[in-house]
Every structure is written in C-alpha cells, then in structure tokens.
Amino acid sequence: MTDDLLEEYAPEIPDGYVRMNWFQGFGRQIGPLYERINADKTYTRAFLVTEQHTNGMKNCHGGMLMAFADMALGHAISLEQNRYWVTVRMVTDFIDAAQVGDWVEGTGTIAGRDNDIYTVTGRIWSADRTIMTATGIFKALGPRPPRRKA
C-alpha cells in the first residue's frame, strides 16, 4: 500500500465543494479540481496547490493559474446559457503567488455579450489574497447536456 492512498493524507476540502467530474485529458493533468454552485447560479471553482502545480521557485506555476482561470471564468457561460465555449482571448494580471498547500479559488462574471461572444471578468484568490485577475473573451458553441444532479 502506498501512503498517498491513506485517508489520513487526504486534503481537507472546504464545506460546500465537490470534486469536479473531470478525470480525463487535461483535467486529469491539472486536477483534482472542485466546485461550489449556489442556488443563485453564482459559483466558485477551486484547487489545492500541490507539488505537481509548482514552478522552480516552488510557487504555483503561472500556466496552472492561467489554465485554472480559463475554466473558472468560462464556466459563467455554461451556467447562464448551458452551452459549450472556447476561449478567444484571455488577459491575466498576476498579483501574488500561491504556495503548496494554498486553497485557490476563482469565479467569473459575464460583463458583456455580443451574439455568441462573451466578455467575462474574474478573480483568482487564496484566503484574503488576490492571486490574479483576468478578463476573457469566449465564443459560445452548441448546447451542453443537462448537468447530473448530485
């Protein structure tokens, strides 16, 4: 048996979060990822920074933060329109670093829409520190299947 399978080593996940069902492809590489969706359709996505997410300075790699911001902000379209989406452009501003053990959260808000093109603004944070801000331009695609009830 390996240590990483023992329950005593499992990370503590904040109340209200559930593990996202993204176990294939890129999601498997950057995860596990978590989400909390509220009754008012607001949401927060999150991940726990582990060694696999770090750069040579032992900070969470900027590429990981950008990938996380992409799927955290784009999710605003999935919730509002129940459609798939692709990223057209994303601008990110790094404000602070995230370290191993930090619980990093993020969300997005639709700031504008022109036909199938959405502008979404968002924030990525850990505790009371803003890690980065972002603005993304996304193109909405076809409809998504209905979400399964947990």
N, C-alpha and C. Protein backbone atom coordinates (compact mmCIF):
# COMPACT_ATOMS: atom_id res chain seq x y z
N MET A 1 0.85 -1.18 0.00
CA MET A 1 0.00 0.00 0.00
C MET A 1 0.90 1.24 0.00
N THR A 2 0.48 2.26 -0.70
CA THR A 2 1.27 3.49 -0.73
C THR A 2 0.63 4.54 0.17
N ASP A 3 1.45 5.45 0.67
CA ASP A 3 0.96 6.49 1.57
C ASP A 3 -0.11 7.37 0.95
N ASP A 4 -0.03 7.60 -0.36
CA ASP A 4 -0.98 8.52 -0.97
C ASP A 4 -2.39 7.95 -1.06
N LEU A 5 -2.59 6.71 -0.67
CA LEU A 5 -3.92 6.13 -0.68
C LEU A 5 -4.57 6.14 0.71
N LEU A 6 -3.84 6.56 1.72
CA LEU A 6 -4.37 6.56 3.07
C LEU A 6 -5.27 7.77 3.29
N GLU A 7 -6.43 7.54 3.89
CA GLU A 7 -7.38 8.61 4.12
C GLU A 7 -6.80 9.73 4.99
N GLU A 8 -5.91 9.38 5.90
CA GLU A 8 -5.33 10.40 6.78
C GLU A 8 -4.51 11.43 6.02
N TYR A 9 -4.12 11.13 4.78
CA TYR A 9 -3.36 12.07 3.97
C TYR A 9 -4.24 12.82 2.98
N ALA A 10 -5.52 12.53 2.96
CA ALA A 10 -6.42 13.20 2.04
C ALA A 10 -6.56 14.67 2.46
N PRO A 11 -6.53 15.60 1.50
CA PRO A 11 -6.66 17.01 1.86
C PRO A 11 -8.05 17.32 2.40
N GLU A 12 -8.12 18.30 3.27
CA GLU A 12 -9.41 18.75 3.77
C GLU A 12 -10.00 19.75 2.78
N ILE A 13 -11.19 19.46 2.31
CA ILE A 13 -11.86 20.29 1.32
C ILE A 13 -12.91 21.14 2.04
N PRO A 14 -12.94 22.45 1.81
CA PRO A 14 -13.92 23.31 2.48
C PRO A 14 -15.36 22.88 2.21
N ASP A 15 -16.23 23.15 3.16
CA ASP A 15 -17.64 22.81 3.04
C ASP A 15 -18.25 23.39 1.77
N GLY A 16 -19.13 22.63 1.18
CA GLY A 16 -19.87 23.06 0.00
C GLY A 16 -19.19 22.72 -1.32
N TYR A 17 -17.93 22.33 -1.29
CA TYR A 17 -17.22 21.99 -2.52
C TYR A 17 -17.37 20.50 -2.82
N VAL A 18 -17.49 20.19 -4.10
CA VAL A 18 -17.47 18.81 -4.56
C VAL A 18 -16.42 18.68 -5.65
N ARG A 19 -15.85 17.51 -5.75
CA ARG A 19 -14.85 17.27 -6.78
C ARG A 19 -15.51 17.27 -8.15
N MET A 20 -14.91 17.98 -9.09
CA MET A 20 -15.45 18.03 -10.44
C MET A 20 -15.22 16.69 -11.13
N ASN A 21 -16.15 16.34 -11.98
CA ASN A 21 -16.08 15.09 -12.73
C ASN A 21 -15.27 15.33 -14.01
N TRP A 22 -13.98 15.60 -13.83
CA TRP A 22 -13.10 15.87 -14.96
C TRP A 22 -11.85 15.03 -14.75
N PHE A 23 -11.94 13.76 -15.15
CA PHE A 23 -10.89 12.79 -14.87
C PHE A 23 -10.11 12.38 -16.11
N GLN A 24 -10.41 12.97 -17.26
CA GLN A 24 -9.73 12.59 -18.49
C GLN A 24 -8.98 13.78 -19.05
N GLY A 25 -8.05 13.49 -19.93
CA GLY A 25 -7.33 14.53 -20.65
C GLY A 25 -6.67 15.55 -19.73
N PHE A 26 -6.80 16.80 -20.10
CA PHE A 26 -6.14 17.89 -19.40
C PHE A 26 -6.60 18.01 -17.94
N GLY A 27 -7.87 17.74 -17.68
CA GLY A 27 -8.38 17.78 -16.31
C GLY A 27 -7.65 16.83 -15.39
N ARG A 28 -7.28 15.68 -15.90
CA ARG A 28 -6.52 14.72 -15.10
C ARG A 28 -5.12 15.25 -14.81
N GLN A 29 -4.56 16.01 -15.74
CA GLN A 29 -3.21 16.53 -15.56
C GLN A 29 -3.13 17.66 -14.54
N ILE A 30 -4.14 18.52 -14.48
CA ILE A 30 -4.07 19.68 -13.58
C ILE A 30 -4.86 19.51 -12.30
N GLY A 31 -5.67 18.48 -12.20
CA GLY A 31 -6.57 18.31 -11.06
C GLY A 31 -5.90 17.71 -9.85
N PRO A 32 -6.73 17.36 -8.88
CA PRO A 32 -8.19 17.44 -8.90
C PRO A 32 -8.69 18.88 -8.75
N LEU A 33 -9.84 19.13 -9.35
CA LEU A 33 -10.50 20.43 -9.31
C LEU A 33 -11.83 20.27 -8.61
N TYR A 34 -12.28 21.35 -7.98
CA TYR A 34 -13.51 21.33 -7.18
C TYR A 34 -14.39 22.49 -7.58
N GLU A 35 -15.69 22.39 -7.23
CA GLU A 35 -16.59 23.50 -7.49
C GLU A 35 -17.68 23.56 -6.44
N ARG A 36 -18.21 24.76 -6.30
CA ARG A 36 -19.36 25.00 -5.43
C ARG A 36 -20.31 25.86 -6.24
N ILE A 37 -21.53 25.36 -6.46
CA ILE A 37 -22.54 26.11 -7.22
C ILE A 37 -23.67 26.43 -6.27
N ASN A 38 -24.01 27.71 -6.19
CA ASN A 38 -25.04 28.17 -5.27
C ASN A 38 -26.40 28.24 -5.96
N ALA A 39 -27.45 28.31 -5.17
CA ALA A 39 -28.81 28.34 -5.70
C ALA A 39 -29.04 29.54 -6.62
N ASP A 40 -28.32 30.65 -6.40
CA ASP A 40 -28.49 31.84 -7.23
C ASP A 40 -27.62 31.83 -8.49
N LYS A 41 -27.06 30.66 -8.82
CA LYS A 41 -26.21 30.45 -10.00
C LYS A 41 -24.85 31.11 -9.90
N THR A 42 -24.48 31.62 -8.73
CA THR A 42 -23.09 32.03 -8.55
C THR A 42 -22.29 30.77 -8.27
N TYR A 43 -21.01 30.82 -8.52
CA TYR A 43 -20.20 29.62 -8.37
C TYR A 43 -18.77 30.01 -8.00
N THR A 44 -18.07 29.04 -7.49
CA THR A 44 -16.64 29.16 -7.25
C THR A 44 -16.01 27.83 -7.63
N ARG A 45 -14.92 27.90 -8.35
CA ARG A 45 -14.13 26.71 -8.64
C ARG A 45 -12.84 26.80 -7.84
N ALA A 46 -12.20 25.66 -7.58
CA ALA A 46 -11.04 25.68 -6.70
C ALA A 46 -10.12 24.50 -6.95
N PHE A 47 -8.89 24.63 -6.43
CA PHE A 47 -7.95 23.52 -6.39
C PHE A 47 -6.98 23.76 -5.23
N LEU A 48 -6.41 22.68 -4.76
CA LEU A 48 -5.39 22.74 -3.72
C LEU A 48 -4.03 22.68 -4.40
N VAL A 49 -3.18 23.67 -4.16
CA VAL A 49 -1.86 23.69 -4.77
C VAL A 49 -1.03 22.56 -4.17
N THR A 50 -0.57 21.67 -5.05
CA THR A 50 0.31 20.58 -4.65
C THR A 50 1.62 20.72 -5.43
N GLU A 51 2.57 19.88 -5.11
CA GLU A 51 3.89 19.95 -5.74
C GLU A 51 3.80 19.88 -7.27
N GLN A 52 2.83 19.13 -7.80
CA GLN A 52 2.70 19.00 -9.25
C GLN A 52 2.36 20.32 -9.93
N HIS A 53 1.85 21.29 -9.19
CA HIS A 53 1.46 22.58 -9.75
C HIS A 53 2.56 23.64 -9.69
N THR A 54 3.73 23.29 -9.15
CA THR A 54 4.73 24.32 -8.87
C THR A 54 5.75 24.52 -9.98
N ASN A 55 6.39 25.69 -9.90
CA ASN A 55 7.50 26.03 -10.79
C ASN A 55 8.81 25.85 -10.03
N GLY A 56 9.91 26.27 -10.61
CA GLY A 56 11.22 26.11 -9.98
C GLY A 56 11.40 26.89 -8.69
N MET A 57 10.56 27.90 -8.46
CA MET A 57 10.64 28.68 -7.22
C MET A 57 9.69 28.15 -6.15
N LYS A 58 9.04 27.01 -6.46
CA LYS A 58 8.07 26.37 -5.55
C LYS A 58 6.79 27.18 -5.38
N ASN A 59 6.52 28.09 -6.32
CA ASN A 59 5.24 28.79 -6.38
C ASN A 59 4.34 28.04 -7.35
N CYS A 60 3.05 28.25 -7.25
CA CYS A 60 2.14 27.68 -8.25
C CYS A 60 2.51 28.29 -9.60
N HIS A 61 2.70 27.44 -10.58
CA HIS A 61 3.13 27.87 -11.92
C HIS A 61 2.08 28.78 -12.54
N GLY A 62 2.54 29.84 -13.20
CA GLY A 62 1.62 30.76 -13.86
C GLY A 62 0.76 30.08 -14.90
N GLY A 63 1.29 29.07 -15.58
CA GLY A 63 0.50 28.33 -16.56
C GLY A 63 -0.66 27.60 -15.92
N MET A 64 -0.43 27.06 -14.72
CA MET A 64 -1.52 26.41 -13.99
C MET A 64 -2.58 27.42 -13.61
N LEU A 65 -2.15 28.58 -13.12
CA LEU A 65 -3.11 29.61 -12.74
C LEU A 65 -3.90 30.11 -13.95
N MET A 66 -3.23 30.23 -15.10
CA MET A 66 -3.93 30.67 -16.31
C MET A 66 -4.92 29.62 -16.79
N ALA A 67 -4.54 28.35 -16.74
CA ALA A 67 -5.46 27.27 -17.13
C ALA A 67 -6.66 27.25 -16.19
N PHE A 68 -6.40 27.40 -14.90
CA PHE A 68 -7.48 27.43 -13.93
C PHE A 68 -8.40 28.63 -14.17
N ALA A 69 -7.82 29.80 -14.41
CA ALA A 69 -8.63 31.00 -14.67
C ALA A 69 -9.50 30.80 -15.91
N ASP A 70 -8.95 30.17 -16.94
CA ASP A 70 -9.70 29.91 -18.18
C ASP A 70 -10.97 29.13 -17.88
N MET A 71 -10.83 28.03 -17.15
CA MET A 71 -12.03 27.22 -16.90
C MET A 71 -12.90 27.80 -15.79
N ALA A 72 -12.34 28.60 -14.91
CA ALA A 72 -13.17 29.24 -13.88
C ALA A 72 -14.02 30.35 -14.49
N LEU A 73 -13.44 31.17 -15.35
CA LEU A 73 -14.20 32.25 -15.97
C LEU A 73 -15.18 31.73 -17.00
N GLY A 74 -14.74 30.82 -17.86
CA GLY A 74 -15.61 30.30 -18.91
C GLY A 74 -16.86 29.61 -18.38
N HIS A 75 -16.76 29.10 -17.17
CA HIS A 75 -17.92 28.40 -16.59
C HIS A 75 -19.14 29.31 -16.44
N ALA A 76 -18.92 30.61 -16.37
CA ALA A 76 -20.05 31.55 -16.27
C ALA A 76 -20.99 31.37 -17.46
N ILE A 77 -20.44 31.08 -18.63
CA ILE A 77 -21.26 30.87 -19.83
C ILE A 77 -22.03 29.56 -19.72
N SER A 78 -21.36 28.52 -19.24
CA SER A 78 -22.04 27.23 -19.08
C SER A 78 -23.24 27.36 -18.16
N LEU A 79 -23.09 28.11 -17.08
CA LEU A 79 -24.20 28.24 -16.13
C LEU A 79 -25.33 29.11 -16.68
N GLU A 80 -24.98 30.20 -17.36
CA GLU A 80 -26.02 31.10 -17.85
C GLU A 80 -26.73 30.55 -19.09
N GLN A 81 -25.98 29.97 -20.01
CA GLN A 81 -26.54 29.55 -21.30
C GLN A 81 -26.56 28.04 -21.52
N ASN A 82 -25.93 27.27 -20.64
CA ASN A 82 -25.82 25.82 -20.81
C ASN A 82 -25.26 25.46 -22.19
N ARG A 83 -24.18 26.16 -22.55
CA ARG A 83 -23.54 25.93 -23.84
C ARG A 83 -22.06 25.66 -23.63
N TYR A 84 -21.48 24.90 -24.55
CA TYR A 84 -20.03 24.77 -24.59
C TYR A 84 -19.44 26.10 -25.00
N TRP A 85 -18.14 26.28 -24.79
CA TRP A 85 -17.47 27.52 -25.14
C TRP A 85 -16.00 27.26 -25.41
N VAL A 86 -15.39 28.17 -26.16
CA VAL A 86 -13.95 28.15 -26.38
C VAL A 86 -13.42 29.55 -26.07
N THR A 87 -12.17 29.59 -25.69
CA THR A 87 -11.53 30.85 -25.35
C THR A 87 -11.00 31.51 -26.62
N VAL A 88 -11.32 32.78 -26.81
CA VAL A 88 -10.81 33.56 -27.91
C VAL A 88 -9.56 34.31 -27.46
N ARG A 89 -9.64 34.89 -26.27
CA ARG A 89 -8.54 35.70 -25.75
C ARG A 89 -8.68 35.78 -24.24
N MET A 90 -7.54 35.78 -23.55
CA MET A 90 -7.57 36.00 -22.11
C MET A 90 -6.39 36.86 -21.72
N VAL A 91 -6.67 37.87 -20.91
CA VAL A 91 -5.65 38.76 -20.37
C VAL A 91 -5.60 38.52 -18.86
N THR A 92 -4.40 38.24 -18.35
CA THR A 92 -4.26 37.95 -16.92
C THR A 92 -3.26 38.90 -16.29
N ASP A 93 -3.54 39.24 -15.05
CA ASP A 93 -2.64 40.06 -14.26
C ASP A 93 -2.31 39.30 -12.99
N PHE A 94 -1.03 38.97 -12.82
CA PHE A 94 -0.57 38.26 -11.63
C PHE A 94 -0.30 39.26 -10.52
N ILE A 95 -0.94 39.05 -9.37
CA ILE A 95 -0.86 39.98 -8.25
C ILE A 95 -0.01 39.42 -7.12
N ASP A 96 -0.14 38.13 -6.85
CA ASP A 96 0.56 37.49 -5.73
C ASP A 96 0.82 36.03 -6.12
N ALA A 97 1.63 35.36 -5.32
CA ALA A 97 1.95 33.95 -5.58
C ALA A 97 1.10 33.04 -4.71
N ALA A 98 0.85 31.85 -5.21
CA ALA A 98 0.21 30.79 -4.42
C ALA A 98 1.26 29.73 -4.14
N GLN A 99 1.21 29.17 -2.94
CA GLN A 99 2.21 28.21 -2.48
C GLN A 99 1.58 26.83 -2.30
N VAL A 100 2.41 25.82 -2.20
CA VAL A 100 1.93 24.46 -1.89
C VAL A 100 1.10 24.54 -0.61
N GLY A 101 -0.08 23.92 -0.65
CA GLY A 101 -0.98 23.92 0.49
C GLY A 101 -2.04 25.00 0.44
N ASP A 102 -1.90 25.97 -0.47
CA ASP A 102 -2.92 27.03 -0.59
C ASP A 102 -4.15 26.49 -1.30
N TRP A 103 -5.32 26.84 -0.80
CA TRP A 103 -6.60 26.54 -1.44
C TRP A 103 -6.89 27.74 -2.34
N VAL A 104 -6.85 27.53 -3.65
CA VAL A 104 -7.01 28.61 -4.62
C VAL A 104 -8.42 28.53 -5.19
N GLU A 105 -9.11 29.67 -5.19
CA GLU A 105 -10.49 29.74 -5.67
C GLU A 105 -10.60 30.76 -6.79
N GLY A 106 -11.63 30.62 -7.60
CA GLY A 106 -11.84 31.56 -8.68
C GLY A 106 -13.27 31.55 -9.17
N THR A 107 -13.69 32.67 -9.73
CA THR A 107 -15.03 32.79 -10.29
C THR A 107 -15.01 33.84 -11.39
N GLY A 108 -16.06 33.87 -12.17
CA GLY A 108 -16.18 34.85 -13.24
C GLY A 108 -17.58 35.41 -13.32
N THR A 109 -17.67 36.59 -13.90
CA THR A 109 -18.95 37.28 -14.08
C THR A 109 -19.03 37.76 -15.52
N ILE A 110 -20.14 37.49 -16.17
CA ILE A 110 -20.33 37.95 -17.55
C ILE A 110 -20.48 39.46 -17.52
N ALA A 111 -19.57 40.14 -18.23
CA ALA A 111 -19.58 41.61 -18.27
C ALA A 111 -20.25 42.13 -19.54
N GLY A 112 -20.33 41.30 -20.56
CA GLY A 112 -20.95 41.73 -21.81
C GLY A 112 -21.13 40.58 -22.77
N ARG A 113 -22.04 40.80 -23.73
CA ARG A 113 -22.32 39.77 -24.73
C ARG A 113 -22.66 40.44 -26.05
N ASP A 114 -22.11 39.90 -27.13
CA ASP A 114 -22.44 40.33 -28.48
C ASP A 114 -22.64 39.07 -29.30
N ASN A 115 -23.90 38.70 -29.52
CA ASN A 115 -24.27 37.45 -30.16
C ASN A 115 -23.68 36.27 -29.38
N ASP A 116 -22.76 35.51 -29.98
CA ASP A 116 -22.16 34.35 -29.31
C ASP A 116 -20.83 34.66 -28.63
N ILE A 117 -20.44 35.91 -28.58
CA ILE A 117 -19.18 36.31 -27.98
C ILE A 117 -19.46 36.95 -26.61
N TYR A 118 -18.79 36.40 -25.59
CA TYR A 118 -18.98 36.86 -24.22
C TYR A 118 -17.68 37.44 -23.68
N THR A 119 -17.80 38.50 -22.90
CA THR A 119 -16.68 39.03 -22.12
C THR A 119 -16.95 38.67 -20.66
N VAL A 120 -15.97 38.04 -20.04
CA VAL A 120 -16.11 37.60 -18.65
C VAL A 120 -14.94 38.15 -17.85
N THR A 121 -15.24 38.75 -16.72
CA THR A 121 -14.19 39.21 -15.82
C THR A 121 -14.14 38.27 -14.62
N GLY A 122 -12.96 38.13 -14.05
CA GLY A 122 -12.85 37.21 -12.93
C GLY A 122 -11.70 37.50 -12.01
N ARG A 123 -11.72 36.79 -10.91
CA ARG A 123 -10.70 36.93 -9.88
C ARG A 123 -10.32 35.55 -9.37
N ILE A 124 -9.03 35.37 -9.11
CA ILE A 124 -8.49 34.15 -8.53
C ILE A 124 -7.86 34.56 -7.20
N TRP A 125 -8.15 33.83 -6.12
CA TRP A 125 -7.68 34.23 -4.80
C TRP A 125 -7.36 33.02 -3.93
N SER A 126 -6.66 33.28 -2.84
CA SER A 126 -6.42 32.30 -1.80
C SER A 126 -6.55 33.02 -0.47
N ALA A 127 -7.49 32.58 0.35
CA ALA A 127 -7.80 33.24 1.62
C ALA A 127 -8.13 34.70 1.33
N ASP A 128 -7.42 35.63 1.91
CA ASP A 128 -7.72 37.05 1.70
C ASP A 128 -6.81 37.71 0.66
N ARG A 129 -6.01 36.90 -0.07
CA ARG A 129 -5.07 37.43 -1.05
C ARG A 129 -5.57 37.22 -2.48
N THR A 130 -5.61 38.28 -3.26
CA THR A 130 -5.88 38.14 -4.69
C THR A 130 -4.61 37.64 -5.35
N ILE A 131 -4.71 36.51 -6.04
CA ILE A 131 -3.58 35.92 -6.73
C ILE A 131 -3.47 36.50 -8.15
N MET A 132 -4.61 36.61 -8.81
CA MET A 132 -4.61 37.19 -10.16
C MET A 132 -6.01 37.67 -10.51
N THR A 133 -6.07 38.55 -11.49
CA THR A 133 -7.33 38.95 -12.09
C THR A 133 -7.24 38.61 -13.58
N ALA A 134 -8.39 38.50 -14.21
CA ALA A 134 -8.40 38.12 -15.62
C ALA A 134 -9.65 38.65 -16.31
N THR A 135 -9.51 38.86 -17.60
CA THR A 135 -10.64 39.16 -18.47
C THR A 135 -10.52 38.24 -19.67
N GLY A 136 -11.61 37.54 -19.95
CA GLY A 136 -11.60 36.60 -21.06
C GLY A 136 -12.67 36.91 -22.08
N ILE A 137 -12.36 36.63 -23.32
CA ILE A 137 -13.32 36.70 -24.42
C ILE A 137 -13.57 35.25 -24.83
N PHE A 138 -14.83 34.85 -24.83
CA PHE A 138 -15.19 33.46 -25.11
C PHE A 138 -16.25 33.41 -26.20
N LYS A 139 -16.19 32.37 -27.01
CA LYS A 139 -17.23 32.13 -28.02
C LYS A 139 -18.07 30.96 -27.55
N ALA A 140 -19.37 31.19 -27.44
CA ALA A 140 -20.30 30.13 -27.07
C ALA A 140 -20.55 29.23 -28.26
N LEU A 141 -20.59 27.92 -28.01
CA LEU A 141 -20.82 26.92 -29.06
C LEU A 141 -22.17 26.26 -28.83
N GLY A 142 -22.29 24.99 -29.17
CA GLY A 142 -23.55 24.28 -29.07
C GLY A 142 -23.97 23.98 -27.65
N PRO A 143 -25.19 23.47 -27.50
CA PRO A 143 -25.73 23.20 -26.16
C PRO A 143 -25.00 22.05 -25.46
N ARG A 144 -24.92 22.16 -24.15
CA ARG A 144 -24.33 21.11 -23.30
C ARG A 144 -25.47 20.18 -22.87
N PRO A 145 -25.15 18.93 -22.58
CA PRO A 145 -26.17 18.05 -21.99
C PRO A 145 -26.51 18.57 -20.60
N PRO A 146 -27.71 18.26 -20.12
CA PRO A 146 -28.09 18.71 -18.76
C PRO A 146 -27.12 18.18 -17.71
N ARG A 147 -26.86 18.98 -16.68
CA ARG A 147 -26.00 18.56 -15.58
C ARG A 147 -26.71 17.48 -14.77
N ARG A 148 -25.93 16.51 -14.34
CA ARG A 148 -26.47 15.48 -13.46
C ARG A 148 -26.63 16.05 -12.06
N LYS A 149 -27.69 15.69 -11.41
CA LYS A 149 -27.92 16.12 -10.03
C LYS A 149 -27.03 15.29 -9.11
N ALA A 150 -26.40 15.96 -8.16
CA ALA A 150 -25.52 15.25 -7.21
C ALA A 150 -26.30 14.51 -6.18
